[in-house]
Amino acid sequence: MAGCLQLKRDSLTILVRNKTRQTVLADHADMADTSAKRRVGLLKHRSLAPGEGLWIAPCESVHTFFMKFPIDLVYLDKRLRVRKVRHAVLPWRLSACFTAHSVLELPAGSAAETGTVAGTNSP
């Protein structure tokens, strides 16, 4: 099943919903929309709890150097369609999707639990 995400931002966090599956990937994700926030990313975290995440925009590649835990990566295009999903990416890895405009970093297992896969369904 293809995936299309819906992002809803309140003053502090972002709700990330898979519209195709009607599931929630994160209910309190943070936004990394500045150079400084993108540079730090999740490096200061020891783990991500269920429902947490980081949306990095713009971004088409990430690294997990110095990370302390595995993460799921969900690459999105400008229309918030899922272009690629990487599951449980371990520390000290590189990943890229050159058709992506942004990436969601989520706790390992989040993409599989919500049925989020690459696809081109429109909202």
PDB file of N, CA and C in Angstrom:
ATOM      1  N   MET A   1       0.855  -1.176   0.000  1.00  0.00           N
ATOM      2  CA  MET A   1       0.000   0.000   0.000  1.00  0.00           C
ATOM      3  C   MET A   1       0.896   1.233   0.000  1.00  0.00           C
ATOM      4  N   ALA A   2       0.619   2.175  -0.833  1.00  0.00           N
ATOM      5  CA  ALA A   2       1.409   3.388  -0.955  1.00  0.00           C
ATOM      6  C   ALA A   2       1.157   4.304   0.223  1.00  0.00           C
ATOM      7  N   GLY A   3       2.033   5.280   0.438  1.00  0.00           N
ATOM      8  CA  GLY A   3       1.906   6.165   1.578  1.00  0.00           C
ATOM      9  C   GLY A   3       1.914   7.621   1.211  1.00  0.00           C
ATOM     10  N   CYS A   4       1.086   8.374   1.887  1.00  0.00           N
ATOM     11  CA  CYS A   4       1.066   9.820   1.795  1.00  0.00           C
ATOM     12  C   CYS A   4       0.893  10.324   3.216  1.00  0.00           C
ATOM     13  N   LEU A   5       1.716  11.274   3.625  1.00  0.00           N
ATOM     14  CA  LEU A   5       1.679  11.724   4.997  1.00  0.00           C
ATOM     15  C   LEU A   5       0.998  13.069   5.123  1.00  0.00           C
ATOM     16  N   GLN A   6       0.439  13.288   6.296  1.00  0.00           N
ATOM     17  CA  GLN A   6      -0.158  14.564   6.645  1.00  0.00           C
ATOM     18  C   GLN A   6       0.604  15.078   7.849  1.00  0.00           C
ATOM     19  N   LEU A   7       1.066  16.321   7.775  1.00  0.00           N
ATOM     20  CA  LEU A   7       1.797  16.923   8.865  1.00  0.00           C
ATOM     21  C   LEU A   7       0.988  18.095   9.395  1.00  0.00           C
ATOM     22  N   LYS A   8       0.764  18.099  10.688  1.00  0.00           N
ATOM     23  CA  LYS A   8       0.018  19.184  11.326  1.00  0.00           C
ATOM     24  C   LYS A   8       0.878  19.737  12.445  1.00  0.00           C
ATOM     25  N   ARG A   9       1.189  21.012  12.370  1.00  0.00           N
ATOM     26  CA  ARG A   9       2.106  21.614  13.327  1.00  0.00           C
ATOM     27  C   ARG A   9       1.342  22.523  14.270  1.00  0.00           C
ATOM     28  N   ASP A  10       1.525  22.296  15.599  1.00  0.00           N
ATOM     29  CA  ASP A  10       1.039  23.271  16.558  1.00  0.00           C
ATOM     30  C   ASP A  10       2.241  24.120  16.944  1.00  0.00           C
ATOM     31  N   SER A  11       2.166  24.843  18.025  1.00  0.00           N
ATOM     32  CA  SER A  11       3.243  25.768  18.352  1.00  0.00           C
ATOM     33  C   SER A  11       4.546  25.071  18.731  1.00  0.00           C
ATOM     34  N   LEU A  12       4.490  23.814  19.188  1.00  0.00           N
ATOM     35  CA  LEU A  12       5.698  23.174  19.660  1.00  0.00           C
ATOM     36  C   LEU A  12       6.074  21.888  18.928  1.00  0.00           C
ATOM     37  N   THR A  13       5.105  21.136  18.464  1.00  0.00           N
ATOM     38  CA  THR A  13       5.398  19.829  17.873  1.00  0.00           C
ATOM     39  C   THR A  13       4.590  19.604  16.605  1.00  0.00           C
ATOM     40  N   ILE A  14       4.901  18.486  15.940  1.00  0.00           N
ATOM     41  CA  ILE A  14       4.246  18.128  14.682  1.00  0.00           C
ATOM     42  C   ILE A  14       3.576  16.777  14.839  1.00  0.00           C
ATOM     43  N   LEU A  15       2.353  16.678  14.346  1.00  0.00           N
ATOM     44  CA  LEU A  15       1.643  15.408  14.259  1.00  0.00           C
ATOM     45  C   LEU A  15       1.882  14.854  12.864  1.00  0.00           C
ATOM     46  N   VAL A  16       2.374  13.622  12.773  1.00  0.00           N
ATOM     47  CA  VAL A  16       2.657  12.988  11.485  1.00  0.00           C
ATOM     48  C   VAL A  16       1.712  11.800  11.325  1.00  0.00           C
ATOM     49  N   ARG A  17       0.866  11.880  10.305  1.00  0.00           N
ATOM     50  CA  ARG A  17      -0.143  10.850  10.081  1.00  0.00           C
ATOM     51  C   ARG A  17       0.021  10.256   8.680  1.00  0.00           C
ATOM     52  N   ASN A  18      -0.046   8.942   8.589  1.00  0.00           N
ATOM     53  CA  ASN A  18      -0.081   8.257   7.302  1.00  0.00           C
ATOM     54  C   ASN A  18      -1.538   8.278   6.859  1.00  0.00           C
ATOM     55  N   LYS A  19      -1.847   9.117   5.881  1.00  0.00           N
ATOM     56  CA  LYS A  19      -3.234   9.280   5.432  1.00  0.00           C
ATOM     57  C   LYS A  19      -3.766   8.035   4.743  1.00  0.00           C
ATOM     58  N   THR A  20      -2.897   7.306   4.070  1.00  0.00           N
ATOM     59  CA  THR A  20      -3.330   6.104   3.364  1.00  0.00           C
ATOM     60  C   THR A  20      -3.796   5.033   4.345  1.00  0.00           C
ATOM     61  N   ARG A  21      -3.036   4.841   5.402  1.00  0.00           N
ATOM     62  CA  ARG A  21      -3.323   3.797   6.394  1.00  0.00           C
ATOM     63  C   ARG A  21      -4.131   4.306   7.588  1.00  0.00           C
ATOM     64  N   GLN A  22      -4.286   5.634   7.689  1.00  0.00           N
ATOM     65  CA  GLN A  22      -4.962   6.244   8.839  1.00  0.00           C
ATOM     66  C   GLN A  22      -4.277   5.862  10.152  1.00  0.00           C
ATOM     67  N   THR A  23      -2.946   5.957  10.163  1.00  0.00           N
ATOM     68  CA  THR A  23      -2.155   5.669  11.348  1.00  0.00           C
ATOM     69  C   THR A  23      -1.293   6.881  11.693  1.00  0.00           C
ATOM     70  N   VAL A  24      -0.865   6.960  12.937  1.00  0.00           N
ATOM     71  CA  VAL A  24      -0.025   8.060  13.403  1.00  0.00           C
ATOM     72  C   VAL A  24       1.403   7.574  13.569  1.00  0.00           C
ATOM     73  N   LEU A  25       2.326   8.190  12.842  1.00  0.00           N
ATOM     74  CA  LEU A  25       3.738   7.846  12.959  1.00  0.00           C
ATOM     75  C   LEU A  25       4.377   8.552  14.149  1.00  0.00           C
ATOM     76  N   ALA A  26       3.974   9.796  14.382  1.00  0.00           N
ATOM     77  CA  ALA A  26       4.512  10.568  15.506  1.00  0.00           C
ATOM     78  C   ALA A  26       3.455  11.579  15.936  1.00  0.00           C
ATOM     79  N   ASP A  27       3.283  11.706  17.238  1.00  0.00           N
ATOM     80  CA  ASP A  27       2.326  12.707  17.714  1.00  0.00           C
ATOM     81  C   ASP A  27       3.012  13.884  18.404  1.00  0.00           C
ATOM     82  N   HIS A  28       4.321  13.822  18.523  1.00  0.00           N
ATOM     83  CA  HIS A  28       5.076  14.975  19.017  1.00  0.00           C
ATOM     84  C   HIS A  28       6.495  14.961  18.444  1.00  0.00           C
ATOM     85  N   ALA A  29       6.545  15.209  17.131  1.00  0.00           N
ATOM     86  CA  ALA A  29       7.824  15.305  16.426  1.00  0.00           C
ATOM     87  C   ALA A  29       8.302  16.752  16.439  1.00  0.00           C
ATOM     88  N   ASP A  30       9.603  16.915  16.377  1.00  0.00           N
ATOM     89  CA  ASP A  30      10.207  18.243  16.298  1.00  0.00           C
ATOM     90  C   ASP A  30      10.560  18.546  14.846  1.00  0.00           C
ATOM     91  N   MET A  31      10.796  19.830  14.568  1.00  0.00           N
ATOM     92  CA  MET A  31      11.128  20.291  13.220  1.00  0.00           C
ATOM     93  C   MET A  31      12.557  20.799  13.203  1.00  0.00           C
ATOM     94  N   ALA A  32      13.355  20.306  12.265  1.00  0.00           N
ATOM     95  CA  ALA A  32      14.710  20.813  12.058  1.00  0.00           C
ATOM     96  C   ALA A  32      14.698  21.582  10.736  1.00  0.00           C
ATOM     97  N   ASP A  33      14.393  22.860  10.827  1.00  0.00           N
ATOM     98  CA  ASP A  33      14.219  23.681   9.634  1.00  0.00           C
ATOM     99  C   ASP A  33      15.260  24.789   9.510  1.00  0.00           C
ATOM    100  N   THR A  34      16.267  24.753  10.365  1.00  0.00           N
ATOM    101  CA  THR A  34      17.378  25.701  10.249  1.00  0.00           C
ATOM    102  C   THR A  34      18.672  24.912  10.116  1.00  0.00           C
ATOM    103  N   SER A  35      19.697  25.563   9.645  1.00  0.00           N
ATOM    104  CA  SER A  35      20.989  24.899   9.483  1.00  0.00           C
ATOM    105  C   SER A  35      21.491  24.341  10.811  1.00  0.00           C
ATOM    106  N   ALA A  36      21.378  25.109  11.875  1.00  0.00           N
ATOM    107  CA  ALA A  36      21.851  24.661  13.191  1.00  0.00           C
ATOM    108  C   ALA A  36      21.068  23.442  13.677  1.00  0.00           C
ATOM    109  N   LYS A  37      19.760  23.455  13.532  1.00  0.00           N
ATOM    110  CA  LYS A  37      18.940  22.316  13.970  1.00  0.00           C
ATOM    111  C   LYS A  37      19.210  21.076  13.121  1.00  0.00           C
ATOM    112  N   ARG A  38      19.408  21.260  11.828  1.00  0.00           N
ATOM    113  CA  ARG A  38      19.707  20.120  10.955  1.00  0.00           C
ATOM    114  C   ARG A  38      21.074  19.526  11.289  1.00  0.00           C
ATOM    115  N   ARG A  39      22.027  20.385  11.627  1.00  0.00           N
ATOM    116  CA  ARG A  39      23.376  19.920  11.940  1.00  0.00           C
ATOM    117  C   ARG A  39      23.386  19.054  13.209  1.00  0.00           C
ATOM    118  N   VAL A  40      22.622  19.420  14.216  1.00  0.00           N
ATOM    119  CA  VAL A  40      22.573  18.676  15.476  1.00  0.00           C
ATOM    120  C   VAL A  40      21.671  17.462  15.357  1.00  0.00           C
ATOM    121  N   GLY A  41      20.526  17.609  14.719  1.00  0.00           N
ATOM    122  CA  GLY A  41      19.606  16.488  14.528  1.00  0.00           C
ATOM    123  C   GLY A  41      19.296  15.761  15.821  1.00  0.00           C
ATOM    124  N   LEU A  42      19.482  14.450  15.828  1.00  0.00           N
ATOM    125  CA  LEU A  42      19.209  13.626  17.004  1.00  0.00           C
ATOM    126  C   LEU A  42      20.477  13.270  17.781  1.00  0.00           C
ATOM    127  N   LEU A  43      21.587  13.916  17.495  1.00  0.00           N
ATOM    128  CA  LEU A  43      22.857  13.551  18.121  1.00  0.00           C
ATOM    129  C   LEU A  43      22.841  13.681  19.639  1.00  0.00           C
ATOM    130  N   LYS A  44      22.054  14.577  20.187  1.00  0.00           N
ATOM    131  CA  LYS A  44      22.021  14.760  21.635  1.00  0.00           C
ATOM    132  C   LYS A  44      21.062  13.789  22.330  1.00  0.00           C
ATOM    133  N   HIS A  45      20.325  13.010  21.562  1.00  0.00           N
ATOM    134  CA  HIS A  45      19.356  12.082  22.143  1.00  0.00           C
ATOM    135  C   HIS A  45      20.004  10.733  22.462  1.00  0.00           C
ATOM    136  N   ARG A  46      19.552  10.109  23.526  1.00  0.00           N
ATOM    137  CA  ARG A  46      19.986   8.746  23.867  1.00  0.00           C
ATOM    138  C   ARG A  46      19.031   7.715  23.273  1.00  0.00           C
ATOM    139  N   SER A  47      17.805   8.156  22.969  1.00  0.00           N
ATOM    140  CA  SER A  47      16.796   7.277  22.372  1.00  0.00           C
ATOM    141  C   SER A  47      15.640   8.149  21.896  1.00  0.00           C
ATOM    142  N   LEU A  48      14.700   7.532  21.183  1.00  0.00           N
ATOM    143  CA  LEU A  48      13.448   8.177  20.810  1.00  0.00           C
ATOM    144  C   LEU A  48      12.322   7.325  21.371  1.00  0.00           C
ATOM    145  N   ALA A  49      11.417   7.949  22.086  1.00  0.00           N
ATOM    146  CA  ALA A  49      10.255   7.236  22.608  1.00  0.00           C
ATOM    147  C   ALA A  49       9.218   7.087  21.500  1.00  0.00           C
ATOM    148  N   PRO A  50       8.327   6.101  21.614  1.00  0.00           N
ATOM    149  CA  PRO A  50       7.236   5.999  20.633  1.00  0.00           C
ATOM    150  C   PRO A  50       6.483   7.325  20.545  1.00  0.00           C
ATOM    151  N   GLY A  51       6.209   7.752  19.313  1.00  0.00           N
ATOM    152  CA  GLY A  51       5.512   9.019  19.100  1.00  0.00           C
ATOM    153  C   GLY A  51       6.428  10.205  18.885  1.00  0.00           C
ATOM    154  N   GLU A  52       7.715  10.047  19.196  1.00  0.00           N
ATOM    155  CA  GLU A  52       8.670  11.118  18.971  1.00  0.00           C
ATOM    156  C   GLU A  52       9.280  10.993  17.583  1.00  0.00           C
ATOM    157  N   GLY A  53       9.899  12.077  17.127  1.00  0.00           N
ATOM    158  CA  GLY A  53      10.567  12.051  15.838  1.00  0.00           C
ATOM    159  C   GLY A  53      11.154  13.402  15.507  1.00  0.00           C
ATOM    160  N   LEU A  54      11.815  13.469  14.370  1.00  0.00           N
ATOM    161  CA  LEU A  54      12.393  14.715  13.886  1.00  0.00           C
ATOM    162  C   LEU A  54      12.152  14.804  12.389  1.00  0.00           C
ATOM    163  N   TRP A  55      11.531  15.905  11.961  1.00  0.00           N
ATOM    164  CA  TRP A  55      11.302  16.167  10.540  1.00  0.00           C
ATOM    165  C   TRP A  55      12.368  17.150  10.087  1.00  0.00           C
ATOM    166  N   ILE A  56      13.215  16.736   9.152  1.00  0.00           N
ATOM    167  CA  ILE A  56      14.321  17.564   8.669  1.00  0.00           C
ATOM    168  C   ILE A  56      13.984  18.051   7.264  1.00  0.00           C
ATOM    169  N   ALA A  57      13.909  19.379   7.112  1.00  0.00           N
ATOM    170  CA  ALA A  57      13.564  19.958   5.812  1.00  0.00           C
ATOM    171  C   ALA A  57      14.335  21.252   5.605  1.00  0.00           C
ATOM    172  N   PRO A  58      14.905  21.428   4.429  1.00  0.00           N
ATOM    173  CA  PRO A  58      15.033  20.447   3.351  1.00  0.00           C
ATOM    174  C   PRO A  58      16.132  19.450   3.688  1.00  0.00           C
ATOM    175  N   CYS A  59      16.014  18.239   3.138  1.00  0.00           N
ATOM    176  CA  CYS A  59      16.990  17.190   3.388  1.00  0.00           C
ATOM    177  C   CYS A  59      16.759  16.031   2.425  1.00  0.00           C
ATOM    178  N   GLU A  60      17.821  15.545   1.811  1.00  0.00           N
ATOM    179  CA  GLU A  60      17.704  14.377   0.931  1.00  0.00           C
ATOM    180  C   GLU A  60      18.670  13.263   1.329  1.00  0.00           C
ATOM    181  N   SER A  61      19.499  13.524   2.344  1.00  0.00           N
ATOM    182  CA  SER A  61      20.391  12.478   2.837  1.00  0.00           C
ATOM    183  C   SER A  61      20.706  12.726   4.304  1.00  0.00           C
ATOM    184  N   VAL A  62      20.971  11.649   5.019  1.00  0.00           N
ATOM    185  CA  VAL A  62      21.316  11.747   6.434  1.00  0.00           C
ATOM    186  C   VAL A  62      22.437  10.759   6.753  1.00  0.00           C
ATOM    187  N   HIS A  63      23.072  11.000   7.883  1.00  0.00           N
ATOM    188  CA  HIS A  63      24.040  10.045   8.416  1.00  0.00           C
ATOM    189  C   HIS A  63      23.658   9.747   9.859  1.00  0.00           C
ATOM    190  N   THR A  64      24.098   8.610  10.331  1.00  0.00           N
ATOM    191  CA  THR A  64      23.842   8.256  11.731  1.00  0.00           C
ATOM    192  C   THR A  64      25.160   8.153  12.502  1.00  0.00           C
ATOM    193  N   PHE A  65      26.175   8.884  12.053  1.00  0.00           N
ATOM    194  CA  PHE A  65      27.450   8.920  12.764  1.00  0.00           C
ATOM    195  C   PHE A  65      27.221   9.454  14.174  1.00  0.00           C
ATOM    196  N   PHE A  66      27.802   8.836  15.151  1.00  0.00           N
ATOM    197  CA  PHE A  66      27.734   9.229  16.561  1.00  0.00           C
ATOM    198  C   PHE A  66      26.360   9.017  17.191  1.00  0.00           C
ATOM    199  N   MET A  67      25.414   8.440  16.452  1.00  0.00           N
ATOM    200  CA  MET A  67      24.106   8.135  17.030  1.00  0.00           C
ATOM    201  C   MET A  67      24.266   6.991  18.022  1.00  0.00           C
ATOM    202  N   LYS A  68      23.327   6.903  18.962  1.00  0.00           N
ATOM    203  CA  LYS A  68      23.404   5.889  20.005  1.00  0.00           C
ATOM    204  C   LYS A  68      22.338   4.810  19.854  1.00  0.00           C
ATOM    205  N   PHE A  69      21.525   4.894  18.804  1.00  0.00           N
ATOM    206  CA  PHE A  69      20.402   3.971  18.644  1.00  0.00           C
ATOM    207  C   PHE A  69      19.978   3.942  17.175  1.00  0.00           C
ATOM    208  N   PRO A  70      19.322   2.855  16.733  1.00  0.00           N
ATOM    209  CA  PRO A  70      18.832   2.787  15.345  1.00  0.00           C
ATOM    210  C   PRO A  70      17.570   3.626  15.166  1.00  0.00           C
ATOM    211  N   ILE A  71      17.340   4.071  13.938  1.00  0.00           N
ATOM    212  CA  ILE A  71      16.144   4.868  13.621  1.00  0.00           C
ATOM    213  C   ILE A  71      15.551   4.418  12.293  1.00  0.00           C
ATOM    214  N   ASP A  72      14.262   4.685  12.119  1.00  0.00           N
ATOM    215  CA  ASP A  72      13.613   4.552  10.815  1.00  0.00           C
ATOM    216  C   ASP A  72      13.726   5.881  10.095  1.00  0.00           C
ATOM    217  N   LEU A  73      13.910   5.824   8.785  1.00  0.00           N
ATOM    218  CA  LEU A  73      13.964   7.027   7.953  1.00  0.00           C
ATOM    219  C   LEU A  73      12.843   6.964   6.938  1.00  0.00           C
ATOM    220  N   VAL A  74      12.034   8.024   6.875  1.00  0.00           N
ATOM    221  CA  VAL A  74      10.950   8.120   5.899  1.00  0.00           C
ATOM    222  C   VAL A  74      11.219   9.366   5.063  1.00  0.00           C
ATOM    223  N   TYR A  75      11.585   9.148   3.802  1.00  0.00           N
ATOM    224  CA  TYR A  75      11.887  10.250   2.888  1.00  0.00           C
ATOM    225  C   TYR A  75      10.610  10.714   2.198  1.00  0.00           C
ATOM    226  N   LEU A  76      10.413  12.037   2.154  1.00  0.00           N
ATOM    227  CA  LEU A  76       9.198  12.634   1.589  1.00  0.00           C
ATOM    228  C   LEU A  76       9.536  13.591   0.459  1.00  0.00           C
ATOM    229  N   ASP A  77       8.656  13.651  -0.547  1.00  0.00           N
ATOM    230  CA  ASP A  77       8.820  14.666  -1.584  1.00  0.00           C
ATOM    231  C   ASP A  77       8.115  15.951  -1.135  1.00  0.00           C
ATOM    232  N   LYS A  78       8.100  16.952  -1.986  1.00  0.00           N
ATOM    233  CA  LYS A  78       7.493  18.241  -1.617  1.00  0.00           C
ATOM    234  C   LYS A  78       5.996  18.145  -1.365  1.00  0.00           C
ATOM    235  N   ARG A  79       5.353  17.119  -1.942  1.00  0.00           N
ATOM    236  CA  ARG A  79       3.907  16.933  -1.747  1.00  0.00           C
ATOM    237  C   ARG A  79       3.610  15.999  -0.572  1.00  0.00           C
ATOM    238  N   LEU A  80       4.665  15.687   0.204  1.00  0.00           N
ATOM    239  CA  LEU A  80       4.591  14.830   1.389  1.00  0.00           C
ATOM    240  C   LEU A  80       4.218  13.391   1.066  1.00  0.00           C
ATOM    241  N   ARG A  81       4.572  12.958  -0.134  1.00  0.00           N
ATOM    242  CA  ARG A  81       4.405  11.556  -0.498  1.00  0.00           C
ATOM    243  C   ARG A  81       5.670  10.804  -0.090  1.00  0.00           C
ATOM    244  N   VAL A  82       5.492   9.596   0.379  1.00  0.00           N
ATOM    245  CA  VAL A  82       6.627   8.782   0.809  1.00  0.00           C
ATOM    246  C   VAL A  82       7.381   8.291  -0.423  1.00  0.00           C
ATOM    247  N   ARG A  83       8.657   8.638  -0.494  1.00  0.00           N
ATOM    248  CA  ARG A  83       9.491   8.238  -1.626  1.00  0.00           C
ATOM    249  C   ARG A  83      10.347   7.023  -1.297  1.00  0.00           C
ATOM    250  N   LYS A  84      10.748   6.884  -0.023  1.00  0.00           N
ATOM    251  CA  LYS A  84      11.624   5.779   0.377  1.00  0.00           C
ATOM    252  C   LYS A  84      11.512   5.601   1.883  1.00  0.00           C
ATOM    253  N   VAL A  85      11.614   4.360   2.337  1.00  0.00           N
ATOM    254  CA  VAL A  85      11.624   4.052   3.766  1.00  0.00           C
ATOM    255  C   VAL A  85      12.829   3.167   4.052  1.00  0.00           C
ATOM    256  N   ARG A  86      13.587   3.520   5.069  1.00  0.00           N
ATOM    257  CA  ARG A  86      14.699   2.686   5.551  1.00  0.00           C
ATOM    258  C   ARG A  86      14.371   2.296   6.979  1.00  0.00           C
ATOM    259  N   HIS A  87      14.422   1.019   7.274  1.00  0.00           N
ATOM    260  CA  HIS A  87      14.042   0.495   8.585  1.00  0.00           C
ATOM    261  C   HIS A  87      15.259   0.256   9.470  1.00  0.00           C
ATOM    262  N   ALA A  88      15.157   0.687  10.718  1.00  0.00           N
ATOM    263  CA  ALA A  88      16.162   0.397  11.754  1.00  0.00           C
ATOM    264  C   ALA A  88      17.594   0.639  11.273  1.00  0.00           C
ATOM    265  N   VAL A  89      17.849   1.844  10.802  1.00  0.00           N
ATOM    266  CA  VAL A  89      19.187   2.216  10.334  1.00  0.00           C
ATOM    267  C   VAL A  89      20.103   2.330  11.554  1.00  0.00           C
ATOM    268  N   LEU A  90      21.156   1.563  11.541  1.00  0.00           N
ATOM    269  CA  LEU A  90      22.079   1.507  12.671  1.00  0.00           C
ATOM    270  C   LEU A  90      23.001   2.725  12.706  1.00  0.00           C
ATOM    271  N   PRO A  91      23.620   2.992  13.869  1.00  0.00           N
ATOM    272  CA  PRO A  91      24.631   4.045  13.929  1.00  0.00           C
ATOM    273  C   PRO A  91      25.758   3.792  12.934  1.00  0.00           C
ATOM    274  N   TRP A  92      26.398   4.876  12.503  1.00  0.00           N
ATOM    275  CA  TRP A  92      27.529   4.859  11.588  1.00  0.00           C
ATOM    276  C   TRP A  92      27.139   4.440  10.169  1.00  0.00           C
ATOM    277  N   ARG A  93      25.963   4.879   9.716  1.00  0.00           N
ATOM    278  CA  ARG A  93      25.498   4.574   8.363  1.00  0.00           C
ATOM    279  C   ARG A  93      25.176   5.870   7.623  1.00  0.00           C
ATOM    280  N   LEU A  94      25.108   5.773   6.293  1.00  0.00           N
ATOM    281  CA  LEU A  94      24.670   6.859   5.414  1.00  0.00           C
ATOM    282  C   LEU A  94      23.425   6.392   4.685  1.00  0.00           C
ATOM    283  N   SER A  95      22.529   7.334   4.385  1.00  0.00           N
ATOM    284  CA  SER A  95      21.341   7.017   3.611  1.00  0.00           C
ATOM    285  C   SER A  95      20.944   8.249   2.811  1.00  0.00           C
ATOM    286  N   ALA A  96      20.421   8.008   1.599  1.00  0.00           N
ATOM    287  CA  ALA A  96      20.014   9.125   0.747  1.00  0.00           C
ATOM    288  C   ALA A  96      18.844   8.722  -0.135  1.00  0.00           C
ATOM    289  N   CYS A  97      18.091   9.740  -0.533  1.00  0.00           N
ATOM    290  CA  CYS A  97      17.019   9.592  -1.516  1.00  0.00           C
ATOM    291  C   CYS A  97      16.972  10.914  -2.269  1.00  0.00           C
ATOM    292  N   PHE A  98      17.525  10.919  -3.470  1.00  0.00           N
ATOM    293  CA  PHE A  98      17.696  12.177  -4.189  1.00  0.00           C
ATOM    294  C   PHE A  98      16.404  12.732  -4.770  1.00  0.00           C
ATOM    295  N   THR A  99      15.304  11.996  -4.691  1.00  0.00           N
ATOM    296  CA  THR A  99      13.999  12.535  -5.090  1.00  0.00           C
ATOM    297  C   THR A  99      13.242  13.105  -3.891  1.00  0.00           C
ATOM    298  N   ALA A 100      13.852  13.063  -2.725  1.00  0.00           N
ATOM    299  CA  ALA A 100      13.192  13.556  -1.509  1.00  0.00           C
ATOM    300  C   ALA A 100      13.452  15.045  -1.307  1.00  0.00           C
ATOM    301  N   HIS A 101      12.532  15.659  -0.582  1.00  0.00           N
ATOM    302  CA  HIS A 101      12.690  17.043  -0.163  1.00  0.00           C
ATOM    303  C   HIS A 101      12.932  17.125   1.340  1.00  0.00           C
ATOM    304  N   SER A 102      12.476  16.111   2.079  1.00  0.00           N
ATOM    305  CA  SER A 102      12.648  16.094   3.523  1.00  0.00           C
ATOM    306  C   SER A 102      12.677  14.652   4.010  1.00  0.00           C
ATOM    307  N   VAL A 103      13.050  14.495   5.277  1.00  0.00           N
ATOM    308  CA  VAL A 103      13.108  13.153   5.868  1.00  0.00           C
ATOM    309  C   VAL A 103      12.587  13.200   7.299  1.00  0.00           C
ATOM    310  N   LEU A 104      11.863  12.162   7.661  1.00  0.00           N
ATOM    311  CA  LEU A 104      11.420  11.970   9.039  1.00  0.00           C
ATOM    312  C   LEU A 104      12.313  10.937   9.685  1.00  0.00           C
ATOM    313  N   GLU A 105      12.861  11.274  10.836  1.00  0.00           N
ATOM    314  CA  GLU A 105      13.618  10.321  11.633  1.00  0.00           C
ATOM    315  C   GLU A 105      12.715   9.884  12.770  1.00  0.00           C
ATOM    316  N   LEU A 106      12.490   8.578  12.870  1.00  0.00           N
ATOM    317  CA  LEU A 106      11.519   8.019  13.816  1.00  0.00           C
ATOM    318  C   LEU A 106      12.142   6.870  14.595  1.00  0.00           C
ATOM    319  N   PRO A 107      11.530   6.506  15.737  1.00  0.00           N
ATOM    320  CA  PRO A 107      12.029   5.327  16.454  1.00  0.00           C
ATOM    321  C   PRO A 107      12.001   4.098  15.552  1.00  0.00           C
ATOM    322  N   ALA A 108      13.012   3.252  15.677  1.00  0.00           N
ATOM    323  CA  ALA A 108      13.072   2.029  14.875  1.00  0.00           C
ATOM    324  C   ALA A 108      11.789   1.230  15.081  1.00  0.00           C
ATOM    325  N   GLY A 109      11.215   0.769  13.974  1.00  0.00           N
ATOM    326  CA  GLY A 109       9.977   0.000  14.016  1.00  0.00           C
ATOM    327  C   GLY A 109       8.728   0.804  13.727  1.00  0.00           C
ATOM    328  N   SER A 110       8.807   2.125  13.780  1.00  0.00           N
ATOM    329  CA  SER A 110       7.623   2.980  13.569  1.00  0.00           C
ATOM    330  C   SER A 110       7.033   2.826  12.174  1.00  0.00           C
ATOM    331  N   ALA A 111       7.885   2.785  11.160  1.00  0.00           N
ATOM    332  CA  ALA A 111       7.383   2.690   9.785  1.00  0.00           C
ATOM    333  C   ALA A 111       6.652   1.366   9.571  1.00  0.00           C
ATOM    334  N   ALA A 112       7.237   0.276  10.036  1.00  0.00           N
ATOM    335  CA  ALA A 112       6.599  -1.034   9.868  1.00  0.00           C
ATOM    336  C   ALA A 112       5.297  -1.124  10.667  1.00  0.00           C
ATOM    337  N   GLU A 113       5.299  -0.619  11.889  1.00  0.00           N
ATOM    338  CA  GLU A 113       4.111  -0.681  12.745  1.00  0.00           C
ATOM    339  C   GLU A 113       2.933   0.081  12.147  1.00  0.00           C
ATOM    340  N   THR A 114       3.216   1.130  11.388  1.00  0.00           N
ATOM    341  CA  THR A 114       2.155   1.955  10.817  1.00  0.00           C
ATOM    342  C   THR A 114       1.869   1.619   9.358  1.00  0.00           C
ATOM    343  N   GLY A 115       2.570   0.657   8.804  1.00  0.00           N
ATOM    344  CA  GLY A 115       2.350   0.268   7.417  1.00  0.00           C
ATOM    345  C   GLY A 115       2.820   1.300   6.412  1.00  0.00           C
ATOM    346  N   THR A 116       3.784   2.114   6.789  1.00  0.00           N
ATOM    347  CA  THR A 116       4.273   3.182   5.918  1.00  0.00           C
ATOM    348  C   THR A 116       5.295   2.609   4.936  1.00  0.00           C
ATOM    349  N   VAL A 117       4.992   2.739   3.659  1.00  0.00           N
ATOM    350  CA  VAL A 117       5.862   2.253   2.588  1.00  0.00           C
ATOM    351  C   VAL A 117       5.960   3.309   1.494  1.00  0.00           C
ATOM    352  N   ALA A 118       6.935   3.153   0.626  1.00  0.00           N
ATOM    353  CA  ALA A 118       7.081   4.081  -0.492  1.00  0.00           C
ATOM    354  C   ALA A 118       5.894   3.972  -1.423  1.00  0.00           C
ATOM    355  N   GLY A 119       5.492   5.085  -1.993  1.00  0.00           N
ATOM    356  CA  GLY A 119       4.381   5.096  -2.941  1.00  0.00           C
ATOM    357  C   GLY A 119       4.071   6.484  -3.419  1.00  0.00           C
ATOM    358  N   THR A 120       3.096   6.592  -4.303  1.00  0.00           N
ATOM    359  CA  THR A 120       2.775   7.892  -4.886  1.00  0.00           C
ATOM    360  C   THR A 120       1.291   8.234  -4.763  1.00  0.00           C
ATOM    361  N   ASN A 121       0.615   7.651  -3.778  1.00  0.00           N
ATOM    362  CA  ASN A 121      -0.802   8.019  -3.599  1.00  0.00           C
ATOM    363  C   ASN A 121      -0.914   9.498  -3.280  1.00  0.00           C
ATOM    364  N   SER A 122      -1.907  10.128  -3.839  1.00  0.00           N
ATOM    365  CA  SER A 122      -2.155  11.529  -3.509  1.00  0.00           C
ATOM    366  C   SER A 122      -3.130  11.572  -2.348  1.00  0.00           C
ATOM    367  N   PRO A 123      -3.140  12.699  -1.617  1.00  0.00           N
ATOM    368  CA  PRO A 123      -4.015  12.801  -0.438  1.00  0.00           C
ATOM    369  C   PRO A 123      -5.482  12.655  -0.787  1.00  0.00           C
TER     370      PRO A 123
END
